[in-house]
């Protein structure tokens, strides 16, 4: 978890600085609008990308070997 925070905080700062730089370079409300459009497009891309391999009850414990999702959960046998 520490590694996640050590990566997230500086990278969030870089994204914030980049957004400020873009808005400042364009200037005014237009710069803020361009930032908003860029962030909406990127958020939409991330959402659509996340829907390619959805995680649900049938594949939450599936292996990630080939990157595809199984059609049905793997059957496990229990020795009696």
PDB file of N, CA and C in Angstrom:
ATOM      1  N   UNK A   1       0.822  -1.191   0.000  1.00  0.00           N
ATOM      2  CA  UNK A   1       0.000   0.000   0.000  1.00  0.00           C
ATOM      3  C   UNK A   1       0.870   1.261   0.000  1.00  0.00           C
ATOM      4  N   UNK A   2       1.998   1.161   0.654  1.00  0.00           N
ATOM      5  CA  UNK A   2       2.909   2.304   0.687  1.00  0.00           C
ATOM      6  C   UNK A   2       3.400   2.645  -0.716  1.00  0.00           C
ATOM      7  N   UNK A   3       3.709   1.621  -1.483  1.00  0.00           N
ATOM      8  CA  UNK A   3       4.176   1.858  -2.856  1.00  0.00           C
ATOM      9  C   UNK A   3       3.092   2.542  -3.670  1.00  0.00           C
ATOM     10  N   UNK A   4       1.838   2.126  -3.476  1.00  0.00           N
ATOM     11  CA  UNK A   4       0.730   2.741  -4.207  1.00  0.00           C
ATOM     12  C   UNK A   4       0.644   4.234  -3.889  1.00  0.00           C
ATOM     13  N   UNK A   5       0.765   4.596  -2.616  1.00  0.00           N
ATOM     14  CA  UNK A   5       0.710   6.011  -2.254  1.00  0.00           C
ATOM     15  C   UNK A   5       1.934   6.765  -2.754  1.00  0.00           C
ATOM     16  N   UNK A   6       3.090   6.122  -2.722  1.00  0.00           N
ATOM     17  CA  UNK A   6       4.303   6.786  -3.190  1.00  0.00           C
ATOM     18  C   UNK A   6       4.266   7.044  -4.693  1.00  0.00           C
ATOM     19  N   UNK A   7       3.490   6.258  -5.423  1.00  0.00           N
ATOM     20  CA  UNK A   7       3.312   6.501  -6.857  1.00  0.00           C
ATOM     21  C   UNK A   7       2.154   7.456  -7.123  1.00  0.00           C
ATOM     22  N   UNK A   8       1.060   7.277  -6.408  1.00  0.00           N
ATOM     23  CA  UNK A   8      -0.154   8.044  -6.687  1.00  0.00           C
ATOM     24  C   UNK A   8       0.013   9.533  -6.414  1.00  0.00           C
ATOM     25  N   UNK A   9       0.539   9.875  -5.267  1.00  0.00           N
ATOM     26  CA  UNK A   9       0.621  11.292  -4.911  1.00  0.00           C
ATOM     27  C   UNK A   9       1.505  12.111  -5.867  1.00  0.00           C
ATOM     28  N   UNK A  10       2.727  11.679  -6.183  1.00  0.00           N
ATOM     29  CA  UNK A  10       3.519  12.479  -7.130  1.00  0.00           C
ATOM     30  C   UNK A  10       2.909  12.516  -8.534  1.00  0.00           C
ATOM     31  N   UNK A  11       2.345  11.392  -8.972  1.00  0.00           N
ATOM     32  CA  UNK A  11       1.747  11.383 -10.305  1.00  0.00           C
ATOM     33  C   UNK A  11       0.502  12.264 -10.363  1.00  0.00           C
ATOM     34  N   UNK A  12      -0.278  12.303  -9.285  1.00  0.00           N
ATOM     35  CA  UNK A  12      -1.427  13.208  -9.239  1.00  0.00           C
ATOM     36  C   UNK A  12      -0.960  14.658  -9.289  1.00  0.00           C
ATOM     37  N   UNK A  13       0.145  14.942  -8.629  1.00  0.00           N
ATOM     38  CA  UNK A  13       0.710  16.283  -8.701  1.00  0.00           C
ATOM     39  C   UNK A  13       1.160  16.637 -10.111  1.00  0.00           C
ATOM     40  N   UNK A  14       1.757  15.673 -10.810  1.00  0.00           N
ATOM     41  CA  UNK A  14       2.176  15.918 -12.195  1.00  0.00           C
ATOM     42  C   UNK A  14       0.978  16.166 -13.106  1.00  0.00           C
ATOM     43  N   UNK A  15      -0.080  15.396 -12.932  1.00  0.00           N
ATOM     44  CA  UNK A  15      -1.286  15.597 -13.748  1.00  0.00           C
ATOM     45  C   UNK A  15      -1.895  16.966 -13.454  1.00  0.00           C
ATOM     46  N   UNK A  16      -1.934  17.341 -12.179  1.00  0.00           N
ATOM     47  CA  UNK A  16      -2.443  18.669 -11.823  1.00  0.00           C
ATOM     48  C   UNK A  16      -1.599  19.779 -12.432  1.00  0.00           C
ATOM     49  N   UNK A  17      -0.272  19.619 -12.400  1.00  0.00           N
ATOM     50  CA  UNK A  17       0.608  20.615 -12.996  1.00  0.00           C
ATOM     51  C   UNK A  17       0.419  20.700 -14.508  1.00  0.00           C
ATOM     52  N   UNK A  18       0.235  19.536 -15.143  1.00  0.00           N
ATOM     53  CA  UNK A  18       0.004  19.524 -16.586  1.00  0.00           C
ATOM     54  C   UNK A  18      -1.307  20.226 -16.930  1.00  0.00           C
ATOM     55  N   UNK A  19      -2.343  19.954 -16.149  1.00  0.00           N
ATOM     56  CA  UNK A  19      -3.634  20.620 -16.384  1.00  0.00           C
ATOM     57  C   UNK A  19      -3.508  22.129 -16.204  1.00  0.00           C
ATOM     58  N   UNK A  20      -2.788  22.551 -15.173  1.00  0.00           N
ATOM     59  CA  UNK A  20      -2.594  23.978 -14.963  1.00  0.00           C
ATOM     60  C   UNK A  20      -1.827  24.592 -16.126  1.00  0.00           C
ATOM     61  N   UNK A  21      -0.778  23.891 -16.593  1.00  0.00           N
ATOM     62  CA  UNK A  21       0.040  24.414 -17.686  1.00  0.00           C
ATOM     63  C   UNK A  21      -0.797  24.586 -18.957  1.00  0.00           C
ATOM     64  N   UNK A  22      -1.647  23.586 -19.259  1.00  0.00           N
ATOM     65  CA  UNK A  22      -2.498  23.673 -20.455  1.00  0.00           C
ATOM     66  C   UNK A  22      -3.470  24.837 -20.318  1.00  0.00           C
ATOM     67  N   UNK A  23      -4.137  24.928 -19.165  1.00  0.00           N
ATOM     68  CA  UNK A  23      -5.110  26.005 -18.964  1.00  0.00           C
ATOM     69  C   UNK A  23      -4.434  27.375 -18.991  1.00  0.00           C
ATOM     70  N   UNK A  24      -3.251  27.478 -18.409  1.00  0.00           N
ATOM     71  CA  UNK A  24      -2.538  28.753 -18.380  1.00  0.00           C
ATOM     72  C   UNK A  24      -2.030  29.130 -19.764  1.00  0.00           C
ATOM     73  N   UNK A  25      -1.581  28.137 -20.545  1.00  0.00           N
ATOM     74  CA  UNK A  25      -1.063  28.429 -21.889  1.00  0.00           C
ATOM     75  C   UNK A  25      -2.169  28.941 -22.808  1.00  0.00           C
ATOM     76  N   UNK A  26      -3.371  28.377 -22.683  1.00  0.00           N
ATOM     77  CA  UNK A  26      -4.486  28.822 -23.521  1.00  0.00           C
ATOM     78  C   UNK A  26      -5.088  30.093 -22.936  1.00  0.00           C
ATOM     79  N   UNK A  27      -5.257  30.098 -21.631  1.00  0.00           N
ATOM     80  CA  UNK A  27      -5.732  31.292 -20.950  1.00  0.00           C
ATOM     81  C   UNK A  27      -7.237  31.371 -20.811  1.00  0.00           C
ATOM     82  N   UNK A  28      -7.656  31.942 -19.714  1.00  0.00           N
ATOM     83  CA  UNK A  28      -9.062  32.240 -19.473  1.00  0.00           C
ATOM     84  C   UNK A  28      -9.956  31.018 -19.387  1.00  0.00           C
ATOM     85  N   UNK A  29     -11.221  31.270 -19.660  1.00  0.00           N
ATOM     86  CA  UNK A  29     -12.224  30.219 -19.597  1.00  0.00           C
ATOM     87  C   UNK A  29     -12.004  29.163 -20.679  1.00  0.00           C
ATOM     88  N   UNK A  30     -11.429  29.548 -21.806  1.00  0.00           N
ATOM     89  CA  UNK A  30     -11.150  28.585 -22.878  1.00  0.00           C
ATOM     90  C   UNK A  30     -10.139  27.539 -22.420  1.00  0.00           C
ATOM     91  N   UNK A  31      -9.137  27.949 -21.671  1.00  0.00           N
ATOM     92  CA  UNK A  31      -8.142  27.007 -21.163  1.00  0.00           C
ATOM     93  C   UNK A  31      -8.753  26.015 -20.198  1.00  0.00           C
ATOM     94  N   UNK A  32      -9.631  26.502 -19.322  1.00  0.00           N
ATOM     95  CA  UNK A  32     -10.317  25.616 -18.394  1.00  0.00           C
ATOM     96  C   UNK A  32     -11.240  24.671 -19.154  1.00  0.00           C
ATOM     97  N   UNK A  33     -11.892  25.179 -20.195  1.00  0.00           N
ATOM     98  CA  UNK A  33     -12.769  24.344 -21.018  1.00  0.00           C
ATOM     99  C   UNK A  33     -12.004  23.243 -21.738  1.00  0.00           C
ATOM    100  N   UNK A  34     -10.840  23.567 -22.254  1.00  0.00           N
ATOM    101  CA  UNK A  34     -10.006  22.560 -22.916  1.00  0.00           C
ATOM    102  C   UNK A  34      -9.585  21.495 -21.916  1.00  0.00           C
ATOM    103  N   UNK A  35      -9.183  21.909 -20.727  1.00  0.00           N
ATOM    104  CA  UNK A  35      -8.847  20.948 -19.671  1.00  0.00           C
ATOM    105  C   UNK A  35     -10.033  20.039 -19.368  1.00  0.00           C
ATOM    106  N   UNK A  36     -11.205  20.632 -19.234  1.00  0.00           N
ATOM    107  CA  UNK A  36     -12.403  19.856 -18.929  1.00  0.00           C
ATOM    108  C   UNK A  36     -12.695  18.840 -20.025  1.00  0.00           C
ATOM    109  N   UNK A  37     -12.601  19.245 -21.266  1.00  0.00           N
ATOM    110  CA  UNK A  37     -12.868  18.333 -22.383  1.00  0.00           C
ATOM    111  C   UNK A  37     -11.847  17.198 -22.399  1.00  0.00           C
ATOM    112  N   UNK A  38     -10.573  17.516 -22.190  1.00  0.00           N
ATOM    113  CA  UNK A  38      -9.527  16.484 -22.163  1.00  0.00           C
ATOM    114  C   UNK A  38      -9.799  15.484 -21.051  1.00  0.00           C
ATOM    115  N   UNK A  39     -10.144  15.970 -19.865  1.00  0.00           N
ATOM    116  CA  UNK A  39     -10.395  15.074 -18.738  1.00  0.00           C
ATOM    117  C   UNK A  39     -11.641  14.224 -18.949  1.00  0.00           C
ATOM    118  N   UNK A  40     -12.688  14.782 -19.561  1.00  0.00           N
ATOM    119  CA  UNK A  40     -13.899  14.002 -19.850  1.00  0.00           C
ATOM    120  C   UNK A  40     -13.604  12.909 -20.869  1.00  0.00           C
ATOM    121  N   UNK A  41     -12.845  13.246 -21.914  1.00  0.00           N
ATOM    122  CA  UNK A  41     -12.489  12.248 -22.925  1.00  0.00           C
ATOM    123  C   UNK A  41     -11.649  11.132 -22.312  1.00  0.00           C
ATOM    124  N   UNK A  42     -10.680  11.480 -21.484  1.00  0.00           N
ATOM    125  CA  UNK A  42      -9.847  10.461 -20.852  1.00  0.00           C
ATOM    126  C   UNK A  42     -10.644   9.602 -19.872  1.00  0.00           C
ATOM    127  N   UNK A  43     -11.560  10.210 -19.135  1.00  0.00           N
ATOM    128  CA  UNK A  43     -12.404   9.439 -18.217  1.00  0.00           C
ATOM    129  C   UNK A  43     -13.313   8.492 -18.999  1.00  0.00           C
ATOM    130  N   UNK A  44     -13.856   8.948 -20.108  1.00  0.00           N
ATOM    131  CA  UNK A  44     -14.679   8.085 -20.958  1.00  0.00           C
ATOM    132  C   UNK A  44     -13.886   6.931 -21.533  1.00  0.00           C
ATOM    133  N   UNK A  45     -12.660   7.207 -21.955  1.00  0.00           N
ATOM    134  CA  UNK A  45     -11.794   6.139 -22.467  1.00  0.00           C
ATOM    135  C   UNK A  45     -11.518   5.102 -21.386  1.00  0.00           C
ATOM    136  N   UNK A  46     -11.212   5.576 -20.175  1.00  0.00           N
ATOM    137  CA  UNK A  46     -10.937   4.631 -19.078  1.00  0.00           C
ATOM    138  C   UNK A  46     -12.174   3.794 -18.755  1.00  0.00           C
ATOM    139  N   UNK A  47     -13.347   4.414 -18.776  1.00  0.00           N
ATOM    140  CA  UNK A  47     -14.576   3.664 -18.501  1.00  0.00           C
ATOM    141  C   UNK A  47     -14.815   2.605 -19.577  1.00  0.00           C
ATOM    142  N   UNK A  48     -14.724   2.992 -20.842  1.00  0.00           N
ATOM    143  CA  UNK A  48     -14.951   2.039 -21.929  1.00  0.00           C
ATOM    144  C   UNK A  48     -13.910   0.931 -21.920  1.00  0.00           C
ATOM    145  N   UNK A  49     -12.674   1.264 -21.607  1.00  0.00           N
ATOM    146  CA  UNK A  49     -11.613   0.256 -21.529  1.00  0.00           C
ATOM    147  C   UNK A  49     -11.879  -0.722 -20.392  1.00  0.00           C
ATOM    148  N   UNK A  50     -12.450  -0.242 -19.301  1.00  0.00           N
ATOM    149  CA  UNK A  50     -12.728  -1.110 -18.161  1.00  0.00           C
ATOM    150  C   UNK A  50     -13.854  -2.093 -18.447  1.00  0.00           C
ATOM    151  N   UNK A  51     -14.685  -1.791 -19.422  1.00  0.00           N
ATOM    152  CA  UNK A  51     -15.805  -2.671 -19.771  1.00  0.00           C
ATOM    153  C   UNK A  51     -15.388  -3.806 -20.687  1.00  0.00           C
ATOM    154  N   UNK A  52     -14.181  -3.799 -21.208  1.00  0.00           N
ATOM    155  CA  UNK A  52     -13.740  -4.865 -22.123  1.00  0.00           C
ATOM    156  C   UNK A  52     -13.695  -6.220 -21.430  1.00  0.00           C
ATOM    157  N   UNK A  53     -13.162  -6.274 -20.242  1.00  0.00           N
ATOM    158  CA  UNK A  53     -13.061  -7.506 -19.465  1.00  0.00           C
ATOM    159  C   UNK A  53     -13.692  -7.274 -18.098  1.00  0.00           C
ATOM    160  N   UNK A  54     -15.017  -7.241 -18.032  1.00  0.00           N
ATOM    161  CA  UNK A  54     -15.654  -6.952 -16.743  1.00  0.00           C
ATOM    162  C   UNK A  54     -15.423  -8.076 -15.736  1.00  0.00           C
ATOM    163  N   UNK A  55     -15.363  -7.716 -14.487  1.00  0.00           N
ATOM    164  CA  UNK A  55     -15.211  -8.681 -13.410  1.00  0.00           C
ATOM    165  C   UNK A  55     -16.571  -8.859 -12.750  1.00  0.00           C
ATOM    166  N   UNK A  56     -17.002 -10.114 -12.650  1.00  0.00           N
ATOM    167  CA  UNK A  56     -18.262 -10.415 -11.983  1.00  0.00           C
ATOM    168  C   UNK A  56     -18.109 -11.708 -11.194  1.00  0.00           C
ATOM    169  N   UNK A  57     -19.222 -12.234 -10.716  1.00  0.00           N
ATOM    170  CA  UNK A  57     -19.141 -13.417  -9.856  1.00  0.00           C
ATOM    171  C   UNK A  57     -18.643 -14.657 -10.583  1.00  0.00           C
ATOM    172  N   UNK A  58     -18.727 -14.682 -11.901  1.00  0.00           N
ATOM    173  CA  UNK A  58     -18.296 -15.876 -12.629  1.00  0.00           C
ATOM    174  C   UNK A  58     -16.796 -15.895 -12.912  1.00  0.00           C
ATOM    175  N   UNK A  59     -16.106 -14.756 -12.777  1.00  0.00           N
ATOM    176  CA  UNK A  59     -14.692 -14.746 -13.134  1.00  0.00           C
ATOM    177  C   UNK A  59     -13.799 -14.000 -12.147  1.00  0.00           C
ATOM    178  N   UNK A  60     -14.312 -13.686 -10.981  1.00  0.00           N
ATOM    179  CA  UNK A  60     -13.523 -12.877 -10.052  1.00  0.00           C
ATOM    180  C   UNK A  60     -12.259 -13.591  -9.601  1.00  0.00           C
ATOM    181  N   UNK A  61     -12.265 -14.917  -9.572  1.00  0.00           N
ATOM    182  CA  UNK A  61     -11.080 -15.667  -9.156  1.00  0.00           C
ATOM    183  C   UNK A  61     -10.369 -16.338 -10.327  1.00  0.00           C
ATOM    184  N   UNK A  62     -10.675 -15.957 -11.544  1.00  0.00           N
ATOM    185  CA  UNK A  62     -10.084 -16.576 -12.727  1.00  0.00           C
ATOM    186  C   UNK A  62      -8.615 -16.157 -12.873  1.00  0.00           C
ATOM    187  N   UNK A  63      -7.829 -17.033 -13.497  1.00  0.00           N
ATOM    188  CA  UNK A  63      -6.433 -16.712 -13.776  1.00  0.00           C
ATOM    189  C   UNK A  63      -6.357 -15.662 -14.876  1.00  0.00           C
ATOM    190  N   UNK A  64      -5.269 -14.918 -14.916  1.00  0.00           N
ATOM    191  CA  UNK A  64      -5.074 -13.855 -15.884  1.00  0.00           C
ATOM    192  C   UNK A  64      -4.113 -14.262 -16.993  1.00  0.00           C
ATOM    193  N   UNK A  65      -3.923 -15.528 -17.239  1.00  0.00           N
ATOM    194  CA  UNK A  65      -2.889 -15.978 -18.160  1.00  0.00           C
ATOM    195  C   UNK A  65      -3.014 -15.382 -19.552  1.00  0.00           C
ATOM    196  N   UNK A  66      -4.174 -15.537 -20.194  1.00  0.00           N
ATOM    197  CA  UNK A  66      -4.289 -15.075 -21.579  1.00  0.00           C
ATOM    198  C   UNK A  66      -5.043 -13.756 -21.709  1.00  0.00           C
ATOM    199  N   UNK A  67      -5.484 -13.173 -20.626  1.00  0.00           N
ATOM    200  CA  UNK A  67      -6.152 -11.882 -20.671  1.00  0.00           C
ATOM    201  C   UNK A  67      -7.621 -11.951 -21.023  1.00  0.00           C
ATOM    202  N   UNK A  68      -8.145 -13.136 -21.293  1.00  0.00           N
ATOM    203  CA  UNK A  68      -9.564 -13.238 -21.615  1.00  0.00           C
ATOM    204  C   UNK A  68     -10.343 -13.680 -20.393  1.00  0.00           C
ATOM    205  N   UNK A  69     -11.638 -13.492 -20.455  1.00  0.00           N
ATOM    206  CA  UNK A  69     -12.478 -13.912 -19.343  1.00  0.00           C
ATOM    207  C   UNK A  69     -13.137 -15.236 -19.690  1.00  0.00           C
ATOM    208  N   UNK A  70     -13.236 -16.154 -18.743  1.00  0.00           N
ATOM    209  CA  UNK A  70     -13.875 -17.432 -19.024  1.00  0.00           C
ATOM    210  C   UNK A  70     -15.395 -17.277 -19.152  1.00  0.00           C
ATOM    211  N   UNK A  71     -16.008 -18.190 -19.945  1.00  0.00           N
ATOM    212  CA  UNK A  71     -17.457 -18.146 -20.114  1.00  0.00           C
ATOM    213  C   UNK A  71     -18.178 -18.604 -18.854  1.00  0.00           C
ATOM    214  N   UNK A  72     -17.626 -19.575 -18.181  1.00  0.00           N
ATOM    215  CA  UNK A  72     -18.221 -20.051 -16.934  1.00  0.00           C
ATOM    216  C   UNK A  72     -17.110 -20.354 -15.953  1.00  0.00           C
ATOM    217  N   UNK A  73     -17.435 -20.370 -14.687  1.00  0.00           N
ATOM    218  CA  UNK A  73     -16.382 -20.590 -13.686  1.00  0.00           C
ATOM    219  C   UNK A  73     -15.773 -21.983 -13.801  1.00  0.00           C
ATOM    220  N   UNK A  74     -14.518 -22.069 -13.436  1.00  0.00           N
ATOM    221  CA  UNK A  74     -13.826 -23.357 -13.483  1.00  0.00           C
ATOM    222  C   UNK A  74     -14.399 -24.281 -12.423  1.00  0.00           C
ATOM    223  N   UNK A  75     -14.558 -25.554 -12.790  1.00  0.00           N
ATOM    224  CA  UNK A  75     -15.093 -26.529 -11.833  1.00  0.00           C
ATOM    225  C   UNK A  75     -13.939 -27.101 -11.026  1.00  0.00           C
ATOM    226  N   UNK A  76     -14.134 -27.140  -9.751  1.00  0.00           N
ATOM    227  CA  UNK A  76     -13.133 -27.747  -8.887  1.00  0.00           C
ATOM    228  C   UNK A  76     -13.730 -28.982  -8.252  1.00  0.00           C
ATOM    229  N   UNK A  77     -12.919 -30.021  -8.176  1.00  0.00           N
ATOM    230  CA  UNK A  77     -13.413 -31.261  -7.581  1.00  0.00           C
ATOM    231  C   UNK A  77     -12.885 -31.370  -6.154  1.00  0.00           C
ATOM    232  N   UNK A  78     -13.742 -31.864  -5.300  1.00  0.00           N
ATOM    233  CA  UNK A  78     -13.366 -32.040  -3.910  1.00  0.00           C
ATOM    234  C   UNK A  78     -13.241 -33.541  -3.651  1.00  0.00           C
ATOM    235  N   UNK A  79     -12.063 -33.945  -3.197  1.00  0.00           N
ATOM    236  CA  UNK A  79     -11.843 -35.369  -2.916  1.00  0.00           C
ATOM    237  C   UNK A  79     -12.566 -35.748  -1.633  1.00  0.00           C
ATOM    238  N   UNK A  80     -13.303 -36.871  -1.690  1.00  0.00           N
ATOM    239  CA  UNK A  80     -14.061 -37.298  -0.511  1.00  0.00           C
ATOM    240  C   UNK A  80     -13.312 -38.290   0.318  1.00  0.00           C
TER     241      UNK A  80
END
